[in-house]
Amino acid sequence: MTRTSFDSKFDRMVQGKAQFSDDEQRGFTLFATEFDPRREQFGADCFHCHGGPLFQSQAFANNGLDADFKDPGRAKITGTDSDSGKFATPSLRNVALTAPYMHDGRFATLEEVVEHYTTGVKRSATLDPNLAKHPDGGVPLRAADKRALVAFLRTLTDEKFGAPAPNPGTQAAK
């Protein structure tokens, strides 16, 4: 049996059946906007690798997890140095349900993933050009923008596939 995901909050918003919160809308704008200070654009630049209806590029990319590769990635198969540290770009559909994140599961939360792309990107010869163009560490985002980006990412999850992991920032104090 094949299951398809097409009823996330994002899908309902596109169909005019739901509205984003202010944070979700800000996160979507960040996701879909270039980071190019020369043109006064200060987005998160996510759409290059996670674009289209599946929110993926269907390419292999080095997303700056390591400067030296313990896992050679695609290079293990191709034997080509230019594929070192490159892995398949996953779809972000249902991303709130797919933790842990990255090929090796090093990040437990979406907040950790966003933090990687804003402060933890490591340079190497095969770093994806869409990341290499950014300042050292990654795309500089304010804390509020990071929260908004995570809020948007959560809208990509179709609830019929299970409840999204709780957002640590919104849990009630005990």
C-alpha atoms as a PDB file:
ATOM      1  CA  MET A   1       0.000   0.000   0.000  1.00  0.00           C
ATOM      2  CA  THR A   2       1.318   3.431  -0.922  1.00  0.00           C
ATOM      3  CA  ARG A   3       0.557   6.355   1.357  1.00  0.00           C
ATOM      4  CA  THR A   4       0.754   9.894   0.070  1.00  0.00           C
ATOM      5  CA  SER A   5       1.207  13.048   2.070  1.00  0.00           C
ATOM      6  CA  PHE A   6      -0.837  15.947   0.763  1.00  0.00           C
ATOM      7  CA  ASP A   7      -2.790  17.280   3.729  1.00  0.00           C
ATOM      8  CA  SER A   8      -0.245  19.168   5.787  1.00  0.00           C
ATOM      9  CA  LYS A   9      -1.011  22.649   7.043  1.00  0.00           C
ATOM     10  CA  PHE A  10       1.189  23.914   4.198  1.00  0.00           C
ATOM     11  CA  ASP A  11      -0.969  22.060   1.642  1.00  0.00           C
ATOM     12  CA  ARG A  12      -4.159  23.394   3.201  1.00  0.00           C
ATOM     13  CA  MET A  13      -2.723  26.925   3.192  1.00  0.00           C
ATOM     14  CA  VAL A  14      -1.892  26.657  -0.526  1.00  0.00           C
ATOM     15  CA  GLN A  15      -5.476  25.506  -1.168  1.00  0.00           C
ATOM     16  CA  GLY A  16      -6.872  28.439   0.819  1.00  0.00           C
ATOM     17  CA  LYS A  17      -8.229  26.142   3.543  1.00  0.00           C
ATOM     18  CA  ALA A  18      -5.876  27.276   6.325  1.00  0.00           C
ATOM     19  CA  GLN A  19      -3.804  30.273   7.297  1.00  0.00           C
ATOM     20  CA  PHE A  20      -0.302  30.436   8.640  1.00  0.00           C
ATOM     21  CA  SER A  21       0.395  32.024  11.988  1.00  0.00           C
ATOM     22  CA  ASP A  22       2.674  35.054  11.875  1.00  0.00           C
ATOM     23  CA  ASP A  23       5.666  32.868  12.816  1.00  0.00           C
ATOM     24  CA  GLU A  24       4.827  30.249  10.198  1.00  0.00           C
ATOM     25  CA  GLN A  25       4.481  32.933   7.527  1.00  0.00           C
ATOM     26  CA  ARG A  26       7.788  34.521   8.556  1.00  0.00           C
ATOM     27  CA  GLY A  27       9.414  31.068   8.453  1.00  0.00           C
ATOM     28  CA  PHE A  28       8.034  30.414   4.966  1.00  0.00           C
ATOM     29  CA  THR A  29       9.357  33.774   3.778  1.00  0.00           C
ATOM     30  CA  LEU A  30      12.789  32.985   5.237  1.00  0.00           C
ATOM     31  CA  PHE A  31      12.735  29.485   3.711  1.00  0.00           C
ATOM     32  CA  ALA A  32      11.913  30.791   0.230  1.00  0.00           C
ATOM     33  CA  THR A  33      14.149  33.893   0.219  1.00  0.00           C
ATOM     34  CA  GLU A  34      17.758  34.178  -0.898  1.00  0.00           C
ATOM     35  CA  PHE A  35      20.424  35.328   1.527  1.00  0.00           C
ATOM     36  CA  ASP A  36      22.128  38.090  -0.443  1.00  0.00           C
ATOM     37  CA  PRO A  37      22.970  41.157   1.648  1.00  0.00           C
ATOM     38  CA  ARG A  38      24.187  43.049  -1.434  1.00  0.00           C
ATOM     39  CA  ARG A  39      20.611  42.954  -2.726  1.00  0.00           C
ATOM     40  CA  GLU A  40      19.181  43.480   0.771  1.00  0.00           C
ATOM     41  CA  GLN A  41      17.758  39.974   0.924  1.00  0.00           C
ATOM     42  CA  PHE A  42      18.159  38.244   4.278  1.00  0.00           C
ATOM     43  CA  GLY A  43      16.397  34.911   3.894  1.00  0.00           C
ATOM     44  CA  ALA A  44      17.504  31.493   5.100  1.00  0.00           C
ATOM     45  CA  ASP A  45      18.177  30.255   1.536  1.00  0.00           C
ATOM     46  CA  CYS A  46      16.597  26.809   2.126  1.00  0.00           C
ATOM     47  CA  PHE A  47      14.749  26.572  -1.183  1.00  0.00           C
ATOM     48  CA  HIS A  48      17.853  25.833  -3.259  1.00  0.00           C
ATOM     49  CA  CYS A  49      18.195  22.332  -1.823  1.00  0.00           C
ATOM     50  CA  HIS A  50      14.650  21.824  -0.536  1.00  0.00           C
ATOM     51  CA  GLY A  51      12.484  23.260  -3.283  1.00  0.00           C
ATOM     52  CA  GLY A  52       9.536  22.055  -5.297  1.00  0.00           C
ATOM     53  CA  PRO A  53       6.475  20.121  -4.154  1.00  0.00           C
ATOM     54  CA  LEU A  54       8.538  17.492  -2.332  1.00  0.00           C
ATOM     55  CA  PHE A  55      10.833  20.075  -0.725  1.00  0.00           C
ATOM     56  CA  GLN A  56      13.939  18.326  -2.033  1.00  0.00           C
ATOM     57  CA  SER A  57      16.377  18.681  -4.903  1.00  0.00           C
ATOM     58  CA  GLN A  58      16.938  14.978  -5.649  1.00  0.00           C
ATOM     59  CA  ALA A  59      20.660  15.734  -5.701  1.00  0.00           C
ATOM     60  CA  PHE A  60      23.613  14.867  -3.528  1.00  0.00           C
ATOM     61  CA  ALA A  61      25.119  17.680  -1.489  1.00  0.00           C
ATOM     62  CA  ASN A  62      27.647  18.386   1.220  1.00  0.00           C
ATOM     63  CA  ASN A  63      25.795  20.426   3.825  1.00  0.00           C
ATOM     64  CA  GLY A  64      28.801  21.280   5.954  1.00  0.00           C
ATOM     65  CA  LEU A  65      28.416  18.751   8.736  1.00  0.00           C
ATOM     66  CA  ASP A  66      32.152  18.043   8.830  1.00  0.00           C
ATOM     67  CA  ALA A  67      35.370  19.503   7.483  1.00  0.00           C
ATOM     68  CA  ASP A  68      37.026  16.069   7.572  1.00  0.00           C
ATOM     69  CA  PHE A  69      34.826  13.157   6.586  1.00  0.00           C
ATOM     70  CA  LYS A  70      34.516  10.075   8.775  1.00  0.00           C
ATOM     71  CA  ASP A  71      31.778   8.967   6.390  1.00  0.00           C
ATOM     72  CA  PRO A  72      32.802   9.607   2.773  1.00  0.00           C
ATOM     73  CA  GLY A  73      29.195   9.765   1.611  1.00  0.00           C
ATOM     74  CA  ARG A  74      28.608   9.329  -2.088  1.00  0.00           C
ATOM     75  CA  ALA A  75      32.376   9.077  -2.693  1.00  0.00           C
ATOM     76  CA  LYS A  76      32.272   5.591  -1.149  1.00  0.00           C
ATOM     77  CA  ILE A  77      30.184   4.487  -4.141  1.00  0.00           C
ATOM     78  CA  THR A  78      31.609   6.635  -6.940  1.00  0.00           C
ATOM     79  CA  GLY A  79      35.242   6.685  -5.852  1.00  0.00           C
ATOM     80  CA  THR A  80      35.322  10.365  -6.831  1.00  0.00           C
ATOM     81  CA  ASP A  81      36.898  12.864  -4.425  1.00  0.00           C
ATOM     82  CA  SER A  82      34.440  15.558  -5.507  1.00  0.00           C
ATOM     83  CA  ASP A  83      31.640  13.419  -3.983  1.00  0.00           C
ATOM     84  CA  SER A  84      33.253  13.354  -0.521  1.00  0.00           C
ATOM     85  CA  GLY A  85      30.830  14.313   2.214  1.00  0.00           C
ATOM     86  CA  LYS A  86      27.864  14.416  -0.160  1.00  0.00           C
ATOM     87  CA  PHE A  87      24.587  12.747   0.743  1.00  0.00           C
ATOM     88  CA  ALA A  88      21.121  12.611  -0.812  1.00  0.00           C
ATOM     89  CA  THR A  89      19.014  15.670  -0.059  1.00  0.00           C
ATOM     90  CA  PRO A  90      15.906  14.388   1.714  1.00  0.00           C
ATOM     91  CA  SER A  91      12.376  15.636   1.313  1.00  0.00           C
ATOM     92  CA  LEU A  92      11.146  17.881   4.097  1.00  0.00           C
ATOM     93  CA  ARG A  93       7.638  16.455   3.825  1.00  0.00           C
ATOM     94  CA  ASN A  94       6.676  15.157   7.285  1.00  0.00           C
ATOM     95  CA  VAL A  95       9.984  16.422   8.651  1.00  0.00           C
ATOM     96  CA  ALA A  96       8.594  16.769  12.177  1.00  0.00           C
ATOM     97  CA  LEU A  97       8.205  12.965  12.214  1.00  0.00           C
ATOM     98  CA  THR A  98      11.621  11.943  10.879  1.00  0.00           C
ATOM     99  CA  ALA A  99      14.027  12.671  13.745  1.00  0.00           C
ATOM    100  CA  PRO A 100      16.859  12.091  14.271  1.00  0.00           C
ATOM    101  CA  TYR A 101      18.173  14.267  11.468  1.00  0.00           C
ATOM    102  CA  MET A 102      21.077  14.075   9.002  1.00  0.00           C
ATOM    103  CA  HIS A 103      22.509  10.920   7.493  1.00  0.00           C
ATOM    104  CA  ASP A 104      24.043   9.926  10.821  1.00  0.00           C
ATOM    105  CA  GLY A 105      21.250  11.072  13.122  1.00  0.00           C
ATOM    106  CA  ARG A 106      23.421  13.643  14.916  1.00  0.00           C
ATOM    107  CA  PHE A 107      20.594  16.138  15.499  1.00  0.00           C
ATOM    108  CA  ALA A 108      17.603  15.231  17.654  1.00  0.00           C
ATOM    109  CA  THR A 109      15.455  18.296  16.948  1.00  0.00           C
ATOM    110  CA  LEU A 110      14.577  20.677  14.152  1.00  0.00           C
ATOM    111  CA  GLU A 111      15.972  23.452  16.319  1.00  0.00           C
ATOM    112  CA  GLU A 112      19.386  21.733  16.247  1.00  0.00           C
ATOM    113  CA  VAL A 113      19.184  21.402  12.460  1.00  0.00           C
ATOM    114  CA  VAL A 114      18.428  25.097  12.022  1.00  0.00           C
ATOM    115  CA  GLU A 115      21.235  25.957  14.435  1.00  0.00           C
ATOM    116  CA  HIS A 116      23.637  23.922  12.290  1.00  0.00           C
ATOM    117  CA  TYR A 117      22.740  25.924   9.188  1.00  0.00           C
ATOM    118  CA  THR A 118      23.114  29.236  11.038  1.00  0.00           C
ATOM    119  CA  THR A 119      26.264  28.662  13.122  1.00  0.00           C
ATOM    120  CA  GLY A 120      27.666  25.187  12.510  1.00  0.00           C
ATOM    121  CA  VAL A 121      28.420  24.847   8.789  1.00  0.00           C
ATOM    122  CA  LYS A 122      31.986  23.621   8.312  1.00  0.00           C
ATOM    123  CA  ARG A 123      33.914  24.487   5.170  1.00  0.00           C
ATOM    124  CA  SER A 124      35.502  21.862   2.945  1.00  0.00           C
ATOM    125  CA  ALA A 125      36.442  21.530  -0.715  1.00  0.00           C
ATOM    126  CA  THR A 126      33.105  19.879  -1.555  1.00  0.00           C
ATOM    127  CA  LEU A 127      30.782  22.146   0.453  1.00  0.00           C
ATOM    128  CA  ASP A 128      27.667  22.884  -1.587  1.00  0.00           C
ATOM    129  CA  PRO A 129      28.054  26.265  -3.329  1.00  0.00           C
ATOM    130  CA  ASN A 130      24.714  27.427  -1.916  1.00  0.00           C
ATOM    131  CA  LEU A 131      26.225  27.095   1.559  1.00  0.00           C
ATOM    132  CA  ALA A 132      29.776  28.109   0.677  1.00  0.00           C
ATOM    133  CA  LYS A 133      28.610  31.578  -0.369  1.00  0.00           C
ATOM    134  CA  HIS A 134      27.531  32.378   3.212  1.00  0.00           C
ATOM    135  CA  PRO A 135      29.657  33.784   6.032  1.00  0.00           C
ATOM    136  CA  ASP A 136      31.613  31.306   8.157  1.00  0.00           C
ATOM    137  CA  GLY A 137      29.218  29.191  10.182  1.00  0.00           C
ATOM    138  CA  GLY A 138      26.223  29.596   7.898  1.00  0.00           C
ATOM    139  CA  VAL A 139      23.285  31.919   7.298  1.00  0.00           C
ATOM    140  CA  PRO A 140      23.165  34.399  10.177  1.00  0.00           C
ATOM    141  CA  LEU A 141      19.641  34.411  11.597  1.00  0.00           C
ATOM    142  CA  ARG A 142      18.268  36.000  14.756  1.00  0.00           C
ATOM    143  CA  ALA A 143      16.726  33.754  17.423  1.00  0.00           C
ATOM    144  CA  ALA A 144      13.197  34.839  16.439  1.00  0.00           C
ATOM    145  CA  ASP A 145      13.886  33.950  12.802  1.00  0.00           C
ATOM    146  CA  LYS A 146      15.190  30.522  13.797  1.00  0.00           C
ATOM    147  CA  ARG A 147      11.986  29.881  15.758  1.00  0.00           C
ATOM    148  CA  ALA A 148       9.893  31.065  12.805  1.00  0.00           C
ATOM    149  CA  LEU A 149      11.766  28.768  10.419  1.00  0.00           C
ATOM    150  CA  VAL A 150      11.093  25.772  12.679  1.00  0.00           C
ATOM    151  CA  ALA A 151       7.427  26.799  12.919  1.00  0.00           C
ATOM    152  CA  PHE A 152       7.209  26.744   9.116  1.00  0.00           C
ATOM    153  CA  LEU A 153       8.993  23.390   8.848  1.00  0.00           C
ATOM    154  CA  ARG A 154       6.397  21.885  11.179  1.00  0.00           C
ATOM    155  CA  THR A 155       3.651  22.927   8.713  1.00  0.00           C
ATOM    156  CA  LEU A 156       5.070  20.411   6.221  1.00  0.00           C
ATOM    157  CA  THR A 157       3.874  17.493   8.348  1.00  0.00           C
ATOM    158  CA  ASP A 158       0.652  15.698   7.470  1.00  0.00           C
ATOM    159  CA  GLU A 159      -0.955  14.813  10.798  1.00  0.00           C
ATOM    160  CA  LYS A 160      -2.456  11.576   9.444  1.00  0.00           C
ATOM    161  CA  PHE A 161       1.074  10.125   9.563  1.00  0.00           C
ATOM    162  CA  GLY A 162       1.358  10.657  13.317  1.00  0.00           C
ATOM    163  CA  ALA A 163       1.681  13.422  15.828  1.00  0.00           C
ATOM    164  CA  PRO A 164       4.677  15.699  15.338  1.00  0.00           C
ATOM    165  CA  ALA A 165       7.309  15.641  18.049  1.00  0.00           C
ATOM    166  CA  PRO A 166       6.572  18.300  20.655  1.00  0.00           C
ATOM    167  CA  ASN A 167       8.299  21.616  20.182  1.00  0.00           C
ATOM    168  CA  PRO A 168      10.521  22.077  23.264  1.00  0.00           C
ATOM    169  CA  GLY A 169       9.959  25.815  23.115  1.00  0.00           C
ATOM    170  CA  THR A 170       6.189  25.501  23.510  1.00  0.00           C
ATOM    171  CA  GLN A 171       5.873  22.864  26.207  1.00  0.00           C
ATOM    172  CA  ALA A 172       4.097  24.062  29.301  1.00  0.00           C
ATOM    173  CA  ALA A 173       6.227  24.576  32.373  1.00  0.00           C
ATOM    174  CA  LYS A 174       5.654  21.985  35.078  1.00  0.00           C
END
